[in-house]
C-alpha atoms as a PDB file:
ATOM      1  CA  MET A   1       0.072   0.313  -0.410  1.00  0.00           C
ATOM      2  CA  VAL A   2       1.385   3.132  -1.012  1.00  0.00           C
ATOM      3  CA  ALA A   3       2.033   5.725   2.329  1.00  0.00           C
ATOM      4  CA  ASP A   4       0.867   9.051   2.997  1.00  0.00           C
ATOM      5  CA  ALA A   5       3.876  10.226   2.472  1.00  0.00           C
ATOM      6  CA  ASP A   6       4.994   9.002  -1.034  1.00  0.00           C
ATOM      7  CA  GLU A   7       1.671  10.643  -2.760  1.00  0.00           C
ATOM      8  CA  GLY A   8       2.504  11.799  -6.530  1.00  0.00           C
ATOM      9  CA  GLU A   9       6.038   9.708  -7.026  1.00  0.00           C
ATOM     10  CA  ARG A  10       6.315   7.670 -10.336  1.00  0.00           C
ATOM     11  CA  LEU A  11       5.179   4.014 -10.188  1.00  0.00           C
ATOM     12  CA  ASP A  12       8.677   2.916 -11.039  1.00  0.00           C
ATOM     13  CA  VAL A  13      10.419   5.218  -8.803  1.00  0.00           C
ATOM     14  CA  TRP A  14       8.130   3.778  -5.877  1.00  0.00           C
ATOM     15  CA  LEU A  15       8.924   0.064  -6.717  1.00  0.00           C
ATOM     16  CA  ALA A  16      12.341   0.778  -6.960  1.00  0.00           C
ATOM     17  CA  ARG A  17      12.655   1.565  -3.092  1.00  0.00           C
ATOM     18  CA  GLN A  18      10.739  -1.039  -2.486  1.00  0.00           C
ATOM     19  CA  GLY A  19      14.030  -3.692  -1.505  1.00  0.00           C
ATOM     20  CA  LEU A  20      13.276  -5.645  -4.823  1.00  0.00           C
ATOM     21  CA  PRO A  21      15.757  -7.773  -6.627  1.00  0.00           C
ATOM     22  CA  TYR A  22      15.681  -6.115  -9.739  1.00  0.00           C
ATOM     23  CA  SER A  23      16.958  -2.809 -11.066  1.00  0.00           C
ATOM     24  CA  ARG A  24      14.816   0.340 -12.063  1.00  0.00           C
ATOM     25  CA  SER A  25      15.432  -0.477 -15.897  1.00  0.00           C
ATOM     26  CA  GLN A  26      14.293  -4.109 -15.158  1.00  0.00           C
ATOM     27  CA  ILE A  27      11.233  -2.767 -12.826  1.00  0.00           C
ATOM     28  CA  ARG A  28      10.289  -0.317 -15.663  1.00  0.00           C
ATOM     29  CA  ARG A  29      10.457  -3.254 -18.129  1.00  0.00           C
ATOM     30  CA  ARG A  30       8.200  -5.611 -16.372  1.00  0.00           C
ATOM     31  CA  ILE A  31       5.967  -2.792 -15.593  1.00  0.00           C
ATOM     32  CA  GLU A  32       5.584  -2.421 -19.362  1.00  0.00           C
ATOM     33  CA  GLU A  33       4.696  -6.132 -19.953  1.00  0.00           C
ATOM     34  CA  GLY A  34       1.971  -5.652 -17.898  1.00  0.00           C
ATOM     35  CA  GLU A  35       3.308  -7.433 -14.363  1.00  0.00           C
ATOM     36  CA  VAL A  36       2.164  -4.330 -12.134  1.00  0.00           C
ATOM     37  CA  HIS A  37      -1.215  -3.340 -11.312  1.00  0.00           C
ATOM     38  CA  VAL A  38      -2.270  -0.012  -9.188  1.00  0.00           C
ATOM     39  CA  GLY A  39      -5.947  -0.374  -8.288  1.00  0.00           C
ATOM     40  CA  GLY A  40      -6.251  -4.184  -9.948  1.00  0.00           C
ATOM     41  CA  GLN A  41      -5.614  -2.450 -13.559  1.00  0.00           C
ATOM     42  CA  PRO A  42      -2.397  -2.778 -15.266  1.00  0.00           C
ATOM     43  CA  ALA A  43      -0.271   0.670 -15.216  1.00  0.00           C
ATOM     44  CA  LYS A  44       2.464   2.822 -16.558  1.00  0.00           C
ATOM     45  CA  PRO A  45       5.999   3.319 -15.011  1.00  0.00           C
ATOM     46  CA  SER A  46       5.066   6.962 -15.510  1.00  0.00           C
ATOM     47  CA  ARG A  47       2.081   6.850 -13.350  1.00  0.00           C
ATOM     48  CA  LYS A  48       1.883   9.012 -10.610  1.00  0.00           C
ATOM     49  CA  LEU A  49       0.177   7.344  -6.873  1.00  0.00           C
ATOM     50  CA  ARG A  50      -1.961   8.338  -4.244  1.00  0.00           C
ATOM     51  CA  ALA A  51      -1.840   7.853  -0.803  1.00  0.00           C
ATOM     52  CA  ARG A  52      -3.343   4.536   0.001  1.00  0.00           C
ATOM     53  CA  GLU A  53      -3.533   2.722  -3.453  1.00  0.00           C
ATOM     54  CA  ARG A  54      -2.555  -1.006  -3.377  1.00  0.00           C
ATOM     55  CA  VAL A  55      -0.211  -2.051  -5.660  1.00  0.00           C
ATOM     56  CA  ARG A  56       0.485  -5.460  -6.608  1.00  0.00           C
ATOM     57  CA  PHE A  57       3.548  -7.057  -8.734  1.00  0.00           C
ATOM     58  CA  ALA A  58       3.059 -10.589  -9.890  1.00  0.00           C
ATOM     59  CA  PRO A  59       6.426 -11.211 -11.885  1.00  0.00           C
ATOM     60  CA  PRO A  60       6.553 -14.589 -13.837  1.00  0.00           C
ATOM     61  CA  PRO A  61       7.945 -17.661 -12.216  1.00  0.00           C
ATOM     62  CA  PRO A  62      11.605 -18.023 -12.136  1.00  0.00           C
ATOM     63  CA  VAL A  63      13.091 -19.689 -15.396  1.00  0.00           C
ATOM     64  CA  SER A  64      15.762 -22.256 -15.212  1.00  0.00           C
ATOM     65  CA  THR A  65      19.372 -20.945 -16.590  1.00  0.00           C
ATOM     66  CA  GLU A  66      20.480 -23.848 -17.825  1.00  0.00           C
ATOM     67  CA  ASP A  67      19.413 -23.993 -21.341  1.00  0.00           C
ATOM     68  CA  ARG A  68      20.386 -27.412 -23.203  1.00  0.00           C
ATOM     69  CA  PRO A  69      21.795 -28.510 -26.306  1.00  0.00           C
ATOM     70  CA  GLU A  70      19.414 -29.802 -29.376  1.00  0.00           C
ATOM     71  CA  ASP A  71      20.541 -30.572 -32.093  1.00  0.00           C
ATOM     72  CA  ILE A  72      18.467 -28.654 -34.287  1.00  0.00           C
ATOM     73  CA  PRO A  73      19.696 -28.437 -38.300  1.00  0.00           C
ATOM     74  CA  LEU A  74      21.291 -24.824 -38.641  1.00  0.00           C
ATOM     75  CA  ALA A  75      21.717 -23.223 -42.399  1.00  0.00           C
ATOM     76  CA  ILE A  76      25.404 -22.312 -41.821  1.00  0.00           C
ATOM     77  CA  LEU A  77      27.095 -19.608 -44.200  1.00  0.00           C
ATOM     78  CA  TYR A  78      30.258 -18.753 -42.561  1.00  0.00           C
ATOM     79  CA  GLU A  79      32.229 -20.188 -39.452  1.00  0.00           C
ATOM     80  CA  ASP A  80      35.600 -20.282 -38.281  1.00  0.00           C
ATOM     81  CA  SER A  81      36.875 -20.074 -34.936  1.00  0.00           C
ATOM     82  CA  HIS A  82      35.937 -17.055 -33.886  1.00  0.00           C
ATOM     83  CA  LEU A  83      32.175 -16.431 -35.321  1.00  0.00           C
ATOM     84  CA  ILE A  84      29.969 -18.318 -37.276  1.00  0.00           C
ATOM     85  CA  VAL A  85      26.729 -16.924 -39.702  1.00  0.00           C
ATOM     86  CA  ILE A  86      23.313 -18.554 -40.108  1.00  0.00           C
ATOM     87  CA  ASP A  87      20.378 -18.284 -42.091  1.00  0.00           C
ATOM     88  CA  LYS A  88      17.638 -18.258 -39.146  1.00  0.00           C
ATOM     89  CA  PRO A  89      13.816 -19.758 -40.863  1.00  0.00           C
ATOM     90  CA  ALA A  90      11.117 -17.686 -39.608  1.00  0.00           C
ATOM     91  CA  GLY A  91       9.436 -19.789 -36.906  1.00  0.00           C
ATOM     92  CA  MET A  92      12.832 -20.029 -34.923  1.00  0.00           C
ATOM     93  CA  VAL A  93      12.936 -17.786 -31.464  1.00  0.00           C
ATOM     94  CA  VAL A  94      16.904 -16.743 -30.907  1.00  0.00           C
ATOM     95  CA  HIS A  95      16.878 -17.644 -27.173  1.00  0.00           C
ATOM     96  CA  PRO A  96      15.619 -18.661 -24.602  1.00  0.00           C
ATOM     97  CA  ALA A  97      12.197 -16.855 -22.645  1.00  0.00           C
ATOM     98  CA  THR A  98       9.967 -17.851 -20.347  1.00  0.00           C
ATOM     99  CA  SER A  99       7.419 -18.666 -23.437  1.00  0.00           C
ATOM    100  CA  HIS A 100       9.987 -20.691 -25.043  1.00  0.00           C
ATOM    101  CA  GLN A 101      12.542 -23.086 -23.311  1.00  0.00           C
ATOM    102  CA  ALA A 102      13.411 -24.850 -25.896  1.00  0.00           C
ATOM    103  CA  GLY A 103      13.595 -25.059 -29.994  1.00  0.00           C
ATOM    104  CA  THR A 104      15.108 -21.944 -29.847  1.00  0.00           C
ATOM    105  CA  LEU A 105      18.207 -21.055 -31.665  1.00  0.00           C
ATOM    106  CA  VAL A 106      20.586 -20.737 -29.111  1.00  0.00           C
ATOM    107  CA  ASN A 107      19.675 -24.550 -28.007  1.00  0.00           C
ATOM    108  CA  ALA A 108      21.165 -25.182 -31.528  1.00  0.00           C
ATOM    109  CA  LEU A 109      24.126 -23.260 -31.448  1.00  0.00           C
ATOM    110  CA  LEU A 110      25.006 -25.177 -28.168  1.00  0.00           C
ATOM    111  CA  HIS A 111      24.919 -28.288 -29.593  1.00  0.00           C
ATOM    112  CA  HIS A 112      26.856 -27.204 -32.911  1.00  0.00           C
ATOM    113  CA  CYS A 113      29.377 -25.100 -31.150  1.00  0.00           C
ATOM    114  CA  GLY A 114      29.583 -27.160 -27.629  1.00  0.00           C
ATOM    115  CA  ASP A 115      31.850 -25.256 -25.176  1.00  0.00           C
ATOM    116  CA  SER A 116      33.411 -22.821 -27.484  1.00  0.00           C
ATOM    117  CA  LEU A 117      30.066 -20.691 -26.260  1.00  0.00           C
ATOM    118  CA  THR A 118      30.148 -21.140 -22.720  1.00  0.00           C
ATOM    119  CA  GLY A 119      30.876 -17.627 -20.880  1.00  0.00           C
ATOM    120  CA  VAL A 120      30.463 -15.973 -23.857  1.00  0.00           C
ATOM    121  CA  GLY A 121      28.239 -12.834 -23.750  1.00  0.00           C
ATOM    122  CA  GLY A 122      25.796 -14.437 -20.768  1.00  0.00           C
ATOM    123  CA  GLU A 123      23.732 -17.456 -19.297  1.00  0.00           C
ATOM    124  CA  ARG A 124      20.830 -17.156 -21.566  1.00  0.00           C
ATOM    125  CA  ARG A 125      22.032 -15.135 -24.567  1.00  0.00           C
ATOM    126  CA  PRO A 126      25.994 -17.526 -25.502  1.00  0.00           C
ATOM    127  CA  GLY A 127      27.522 -15.415 -28.185  1.00  0.00           C
ATOM    128  CA  ILE A 128      23.960 -13.525 -29.718  1.00  0.00           C
ATOM    129  CA  VAL A 129      25.145 -10.311 -31.402  1.00  0.00           C
ATOM    130  CA  HIS A 130      22.131  -9.104 -32.145  1.00  0.00           C
ATOM    131  CA  ARG A 131      18.553 -10.782 -33.135  1.00  0.00           C
ATOM    132  CA  LEU A 132      15.611 -11.474 -35.573  1.00  0.00           C
ATOM    133  CA  ASP A 133      11.866 -11.039 -34.847  1.00  0.00           C
ATOM    134  CA  LYS A 134      10.963 -14.928 -34.146  1.00  0.00           C
ATOM    135  CA  ASP A 135       8.952 -14.689 -37.629  1.00  0.00           C
ATOM    136  CA  THR A 136      11.687 -12.682 -39.751  1.00  0.00           C
ATOM    137  CA  SER A 137      13.481 -15.204 -41.751  1.00  0.00           C
ATOM    138  CA  GLY A 138      17.509 -14.073 -42.974  1.00  0.00           C
ATOM    139  CA  VAL A 139      21.399 -13.641 -42.050  1.00  0.00           C
ATOM    140  CA  MET A 140      22.838 -13.251 -38.261  1.00  0.00           C
ATOM    141  CA  VAL A 141      26.171 -13.961 -37.039  1.00  0.00           C
ATOM    142  CA  VAL A 142      27.062 -14.990 -34.017  1.00  0.00           C
ATOM    143  CA  ALA A 143      30.556 -14.718 -31.785  1.00  0.00           C
ATOM    144  CA  LYS A 144      32.456 -17.629 -30.062  1.00  0.00           C
ATOM    145  CA  ASP A 145      34.101 -15.469 -27.950  1.00  0.00           C
ATOM    146  CA  GLU A 146      34.149 -12.627 -25.800  1.00  0.00           C
ATOM    147  CA  PRO A 147      36.142 -10.065 -27.934  1.00  0.00           C
ATOM    148  CA  THR A 148      34.455 -10.966 -30.646  1.00  0.00           C
ATOM    149  CA  LEU A 149      31.332 -10.310 -29.078  1.00  0.00           C
ATOM    150  CA  VAL A 150      32.498  -7.106 -28.246  1.00  0.00           C
ATOM    151  CA  ALA A 151      33.746  -5.971 -31.285  1.00  0.00           C
ATOM    152  CA  LEU A 152      30.643  -6.999 -33.189  1.00  0.00           C
ATOM    153  CA  GLN A 153      28.884  -4.825 -30.500  1.00  0.00           C
ATOM    154  CA  VAL A 154      30.969  -1.744 -30.734  1.00  0.00           C
ATOM    155  CA  GLN A 155      30.408  -2.229 -34.940  1.00  0.00           C
ATOM    156  CA  PHE A 156      26.031  -2.809 -34.189  1.00  0.00           C
ATOM    157  CA  HIS A 157      25.634   0.219 -31.631  1.00  0.00           C
ATOM    158  CA  ALA A 158      28.339   2.288 -34.656  1.00  0.00           C
ATOM    159  CA  HIS A 159      25.862   1.313 -37.226  1.00  0.00           C
ATOM    160  CA  SER A 160      28.808   0.936 -39.073  1.00  0.00           C
ATOM    161  CA  LEU A 161      28.010  -2.395 -40.947  1.00  0.00           C
ATOM    162  CA  THR A 162      25.620  -3.333 -43.959  1.00  0.00           C
ATOM    163  CA  ARG A 163      21.970  -4.710 -43.249  1.00  0.00           C
ATOM    164  CA  ARG A 164      19.908  -4.796 -45.754  1.00  0.00           C
ATOM    165  CA  TYR A 165      16.348  -6.431 -45.726  1.00  0.00           C
ATOM    166  CA  LEU A 166      13.262  -7.339 -48.050  1.00  0.00           C
ATOM    167  CA  ALA A 167      10.163  -6.518 -47.326  1.00  0.00           C
ATOM    168  CA  LEU A 168       6.822  -7.037 -48.988  1.00  0.00           C
ATOM    169  CA  VAL A 169       4.469  -4.043 -48.089  1.00  0.00           C
ATOM    170  CA  GLU A 170       0.591  -2.855 -49.009  1.00  0.00           C
ATOM    171  CA  GLY A 171       0.371  -0.854 -51.492  1.00  0.00           C
ATOM    172  CA  VAL A 172       2.918   2.085 -53.658  1.00  0.00           C
ATOM    173  CA  VAL A 173       5.254   3.788 -51.955  1.00  0.00           C
ATOM    174  CA  ALA A 174       7.553   5.361 -53.744  1.00  0.00           C
ATOM    175  CA  GLU A 175      10.914   4.848 -55.629  1.00  0.00           C
ATOM    176  CA  GLN A 176      13.214   5.042 -52.798  1.00  0.00           C
ATOM    177  CA  GLY A 177      12.778   7.247 -49.726  1.00  0.00           C
ATOM    178  CA  THR A 178      13.955   7.672 -45.956  1.00  0.00           C
ATOM    179  CA  PHE A 179      12.253   7.832 -43.083  1.00  0.00           C
ATOM    180  CA  ARG A 180      14.157   9.496 -40.053  1.00  0.00           C
ATOM    181  CA  SER A 181      12.051   9.603 -37.031  1.00  0.00           C
ATOM    182  CA  LYS A 182      12.404   9.270 -32.835  1.00  0.00           C
ATOM    183  CA  TYR A 183      11.676   5.992 -31.879  1.00  0.00           C
ATOM    184  CA  GLY A 184       9.889   4.421 -28.176  1.00  0.00           C
ATOM    185  CA  ARG A 185       6.636   2.425 -26.637  1.00  0.00           C
ATOM    186  CA  ASP A 186       3.324   3.056 -28.417  1.00  0.00           C
ATOM    187  CA  PRO A 187       1.995   5.466 -25.776  1.00  0.00           C
ATOM    188  CA  ARG A 188      -1.411   3.417 -26.596  1.00  0.00           C
ATOM    189  CA  ASP A 189       0.142  -0.466 -25.736  1.00  0.00           C
ATOM    190  CA  ARG A 190       3.231  -0.488 -24.618  1.00  0.00           C
ATOM    191  CA  LYS A 191       4.238  -4.076 -25.655  1.00  0.00           C
ATOM    192  CA  LYS A 192       4.197  -2.240 -29.007  1.00  0.00           C
ATOM    193  CA  PHE A 193       6.942   0.309 -30.638  1.00  0.00           C
ATOM    194  CA  SER A 194       6.013   3.963 -32.182  1.00  0.00           C
ATOM    195  CA  SER A 195       7.671   6.142 -34.667  1.00  0.00           C
ATOM    196  CA  ARG A 196       4.917   8.350 -33.760  1.00  0.00           C
ATOM    197  CA  VAL A 197       6.464   9.713 -30.058  1.00  0.00           C
ATOM    198  CA  THR A 198       7.495  13.417 -28.668  1.00  0.00           C
ATOM    199  CA  VAL A 199      10.379  11.622 -26.832  1.00  0.00           C
ATOM    200  CA  GLY A 200      12.498   8.743 -28.200  1.00  0.00           C
ATOM    201  CA  LYS A 201      15.171   7.270 -30.014  1.00  0.00           C
ATOM    202  CA  ARG A 202      16.944   8.022 -33.653  1.00  0.00           C
ATOM    203  CA  ALA A 203      15.310   6.028 -35.791  1.00  0.00           C
ATOM    204  CA  VAL A 204      16.895   5.823 -40.064  1.00  0.00           C
ATOM    205  CA  THR A 205      15.078   3.695 -42.499  1.00  0.00           C
ATOM    206  CA  HIS A 206      16.324   3.628 -45.952  1.00  0.00           C
ATOM    207  CA  TRP A 207      14.242   1.904 -48.758  1.00  0.00           C
ATOM    208  CA  THR A 208      14.799   1.489 -52.189  1.00  0.00           C
ATOM    209  CA  VAL A 209      11.310  -0.343 -54.791  1.00  0.00           C
ATOM    210  CA  LYS A 210      12.663  -3.850 -56.214  1.00  0.00           C
ATOM    211  CA  GLU A 211       9.352  -4.108 -57.795  1.00  0.00           C
ATOM    212  CA  ARG A 212       5.908  -3.278 -58.198  1.00  0.00           C
ATOM    213  CA  LEU A 213       3.500  -6.388 -57.627  1.00  0.00           C
ATOM    214  CA  PRO A 214      -0.341  -6.376 -57.548  1.00  0.00           C
ATOM    215  CA  GLY A 215      -1.827  -4.319 -54.583  1.00  0.00           C
ATOM    216  CA  ALA A 216       2.108  -4.504 -52.709  1.00  0.00           C
ATOM    217  CA  THR A 217       5.620  -3.237 -53.383  1.00  0.00           C
ATOM    218  CA  LEU A 218       8.433  -5.612 -52.888  1.00  0.00           C
ATOM    219  CA  ILE A 219      11.390  -3.142 -50.969  1.00  0.00           C
ATOM    220  CA  GLU A 220      14.839  -3.210 -49.750  1.00  0.00           C
ATOM    221  CA  ALA A 221      15.416  -1.816 -46.883  1.00  0.00           C
ATOM    222  CA  ARG A 222      18.354  -0.642 -45.169  1.00  0.00           C
ATOM    223  CA  LEU A 223      19.043  -0.285 -42.002  1.00  0.00           C
ATOM    224  CA  GLU A 224      20.659   2.865 -40.284  1.00  0.00           C
ATOM    225  CA  THR A 225      19.870   1.935 -37.039  1.00  0.00           C
ATOM    226  CA  GLY A 226      18.809  -0.761 -35.934  1.00  0.00           C
ATOM    227  CA  ARG A 227      15.737  -0.153 -33.132  1.00  0.00           C
ATOM    228  CA  THR A 228      13.569  -3.162 -32.488  1.00  0.00           C
ATOM    229  CA  HIS A 229      10.595  -4.013 -34.883  1.00  0.00           C
ATOM    230  CA  GLN A 230      11.959  -0.639 -37.135  1.00  0.00           C
ATOM    231  CA  ILE A 231      10.731  -1.498 -40.659  1.00  0.00           C
ATOM    232  CA  ARG A 232       7.445  -2.997 -39.361  1.00  0.00           C
ATOM    233  CA  VAL A 233       6.394   0.159 -37.622  1.00  0.00           C
ATOM    234  CA  HIS A 234       8.494   2.770 -40.190  1.00  0.00           C
ATOM    235  CA  PHE A 235       6.135   1.505 -42.953  1.00  0.00           C
ATOM    236  CA  ARG A 236       3.314   1.269 -40.769  1.00  0.00           C
ATOM    237  CA  ASP A 237       3.211   4.447 -39.592  1.00  0.00           C
ATOM    238  CA  ALA A 238       3.366   5.244 -43.417  1.00  0.00           C
ATOM    239  CA  GLY A 239       0.640   3.616 -43.869  1.00  0.00           C
ATOM    240  CA  HIS A 240       1.865   0.651 -45.550  1.00  0.00           C
ATOM    241  CA  PRO A 241       2.523  -1.631 -43.787  1.00  0.00           C
ATOM    242  CA  LEU A 242       4.141  -5.417 -44.085  1.00  0.00           C
ATOM    243  CA  VAL A 243       1.985  -7.893 -45.495  1.00  0.00           C
ATOM    244  CA  GLY A 244       0.937 -10.871 -43.363  1.00  0.00           C
ATOM    245  CA  ASP A 245       2.095  -8.645 -40.033  1.00  0.00           C
ATOM    246  CA  PRO A 246       0.450 -10.250 -37.050  1.00  0.00           C
ATOM    247  CA  VAL A 247       0.544  -7.260 -34.754  1.00  0.00           C
ATOM    248  CA  TYR A 248       1.683  -3.870 -36.593  1.00  0.00           C
ATOM    249  CA  GLY A 249      -0.758  -5.055 -39.891  1.00  0.00           C
ATOM    250  CA  ARG A 250      -4.380  -4.845 -41.152  1.00  0.00           C
ATOM    251  CA  ALA A 251      -6.107  -7.365 -43.101  1.00  0.00           C
ATOM    252  CA  PRO A 252      -5.227  -5.899 -46.248  1.00  0.00           C
ATOM    253  CA  ARG A 253      -8.828  -4.930 -48.775  1.00  0.00           C
ATOM    254  CA  GLU A 254      -7.854  -6.772 -52.000  1.00  0.00           C
ATOM    255  CA  PRO A 255      -8.651 -10.545 -51.965  1.00  0.00           C
ATOM    256  CA  ARG A 256      -5.411 -11.946 -53.812  1.00  0.00           C
ATOM    257  CA  LEU A 257      -3.392  -9.912 -50.913  1.00  0.00           C
ATOM    258  CA  ARG A 258      -5.547 -10.843 -48.147  1.00  0.00           C
ATOM    259  CA  GLN A 259      -5.176 -14.349 -49.438  1.00  0.00           C
ATOM    260  CA  VAL A 260      -1.522 -14.081 -50.070  1.00  0.00           C
ATOM    261  CA  ALA A 261      -1.190 -12.848 -46.248  1.00  0.00           C
ATOM    262  CA  ALA A 262      -3.439 -15.335 -44.968  1.00  0.00           C
ATOM    263  CA  ALA A 263      -1.332 -18.469 -46.440  1.00  0.00           C
ATOM    264  CA  LEU A 264       1.755 -16.688 -45.395  1.00  0.00           C
ATOM    265  CA  GLY A 265       0.833 -16.571 -41.621  1.00  0.00           C
ATOM    266  CA  ARG A 266       4.256 -13.899 -40.608  1.00  0.00           C
ATOM    267  CA  GLN A 267       5.337 -10.168 -41.586  1.00  0.00           C
ATOM    268  CA  ALA A 268       6.820 -10.263 -45.095  1.00  0.00           C
ATOM    269  CA  LEU A 269      10.272  -9.584 -43.453  1.00  0.00           C
ATOM    270  CA  HIS A 270      13.621 -11.000 -44.993  1.00  0.00           C
ATOM    271  CA  ALA A 271      17.186  -9.968 -43.414  1.00  0.00           C
ATOM    272  CA  HIS A 272      18.966 -11.706 -46.840  1.00  0.00           C
ATOM    273  CA  VAL A 273      22.175  -9.266 -46.365  1.00  0.00           C
ATOM    274  CA  LEU A 274      24.289  -8.602 -43.543  1.00  0.00           C
ATOM    275  CA  GLY A 275      27.993  -7.204 -43.959  1.00  0.00           C
ATOM    276  CA  ILE A 276      30.813  -6.807 -41.493  1.00  0.00           C
ATOM    277  CA  VAL A 277      34.737  -6.216 -40.648  1.00  0.00           C
ATOM    278  CA  HIS A 278      35.808  -9.383 -39.440  1.00  0.00           C
ATOM    279  CA  PRO A 279      37.321  -8.552 -35.455  1.00  0.00           C
ATOM    280  CA  ALA A 280      40.297 -11.172 -35.760  1.00  0.00           C
ATOM    281  CA  THR A 281      41.491 -10.195 -39.616  1.00  0.00           C
ATOM    282  CA  GLY A 282      39.989  -6.342 -40.290  1.00  0.00           C
ATOM    283  CA  LYS A 283      38.597  -7.641 -43.665  1.00  0.00           C
ATOM    284  CA  TYR A 284      35.170  -7.072 -44.547  1.00  0.00           C
ATOM    285  CA  LEU A 285      32.810  -9.825 -45.407  1.00  0.00           C
ATOM    286  CA  GLU A 286      29.182 -10.015 -46.428  1.00  0.00           C
ATOM    287  CA  TRP A 287      26.591 -12.602 -46.853  1.00  0.00           C
ATOM    288  CA  SER A 288      23.232 -12.901 -48.440  1.00  0.00           C
ATOM    289  CA  THR A 289      20.535 -15.309 -48.977  1.00  0.00           C
ATOM    290  CA  PRO A 290      17.405 -15.149 -51.214  1.00  0.00           C
ATOM    291  CA  PRO A 291      14.289 -15.242 -49.677  1.00  0.00           C
ATOM    292  CA  PRO A 292      12.737 -18.322 -48.385  1.00  0.00           C
ATOM    293  CA  ALA A 293      10.222 -20.299 -49.422  1.00  0.00           C
ATOM    294  CA  ASP A 294       7.020 -19.523 -48.524  1.00  0.00           C
ATOM    295  CA  LEU A 295       7.808 -15.376 -48.661  1.00  0.00           C
ATOM    296  CA  GLU A 296       8.773 -16.591 -52.484  1.00  0.00           C
ATOM    297  CA  ARG A 297       4.931 -18.015 -53.057  1.00  0.00           C
ATOM    298  CA  ALA A 298       4.113 -15.413 -52.039  1.00  0.00           C
ATOM    299  CA  LEU A 299       5.888 -12.906 -54.666  1.00  0.00           C
ATOM    300  CA  ALA A 300       4.711 -15.908 -57.061  1.00  0.00           C
ATOM    301  CA  ASP A 301       1.016 -16.090 -56.106  1.00  0.00           C
ATOM    302  CA  LEU A 302       1.020 -11.412 -56.962  1.00  0.00           C
ATOM    303  CA  ARG A 303       3.154 -12.291 -59.993  1.00  0.00           C
ATOM    304  CA  ALA A 304       0.317 -14.855 -61.089  1.00  0.00           C
ATOM    305  CA  ALA A 305      -2.419 -12.539 -60.575  1.00  0.00           C
END
């Protein structure tokens, strides 16, 4: 219960003073994930408390930090003693979490790499430099040792590498362009993101049209920054959501496109090019993969329309 003296204090600040085994940033994230209720209702971190209100914090049960190696096939594009590059399939989660304890990329990597990943970057994300959403396919790099991990993280933070995606978006877009915006949590739904915020991080997406199709456009997007869901959100906010996007999309008006989206069953997004400077050799390396079979089928269906 909130004491009289604490009236007017922010919820996240108040919780951080209650002796919980979490940092303020962790508490804020748990509030955003709906684990904290004030007066029986989910609340925002900035919620100003009133005296004698009841605050309920119900974190999920702890999960095991002992991830098990699993013999899951990997599409390996490149591998040496420092790093491994894979073509992640749609439907695969990158690292274990409460809702996905097995079948993740980390489980597959632990089996493939053995003890070489132990202790690299943390228990639950060994070697993971960046991630792709569960239903986004494409090229990922994973570090096998701590110096490589740190060096690759520096490249990602400095936006000095190459990341290009193929995306099928609804409607007709200009031949090329750039989205520049602030970026943060959607104030109406804290589980989503938005580029229509007054306060947020910088987000930049460049795009070029690759092919025009009935009711949709295949574009190549180049990330200058790499915010969570950035491409999906930028195009959604511009009125051109990705075809099949279950979170930021919509049911297309055109029957053919609606059928294609339903058959695809995921956002039409593929990370098809990744280029880095190899931390050990200093050489620039680049890998590319074509769209996977489900996305190719979607494109073929629209071409045949």
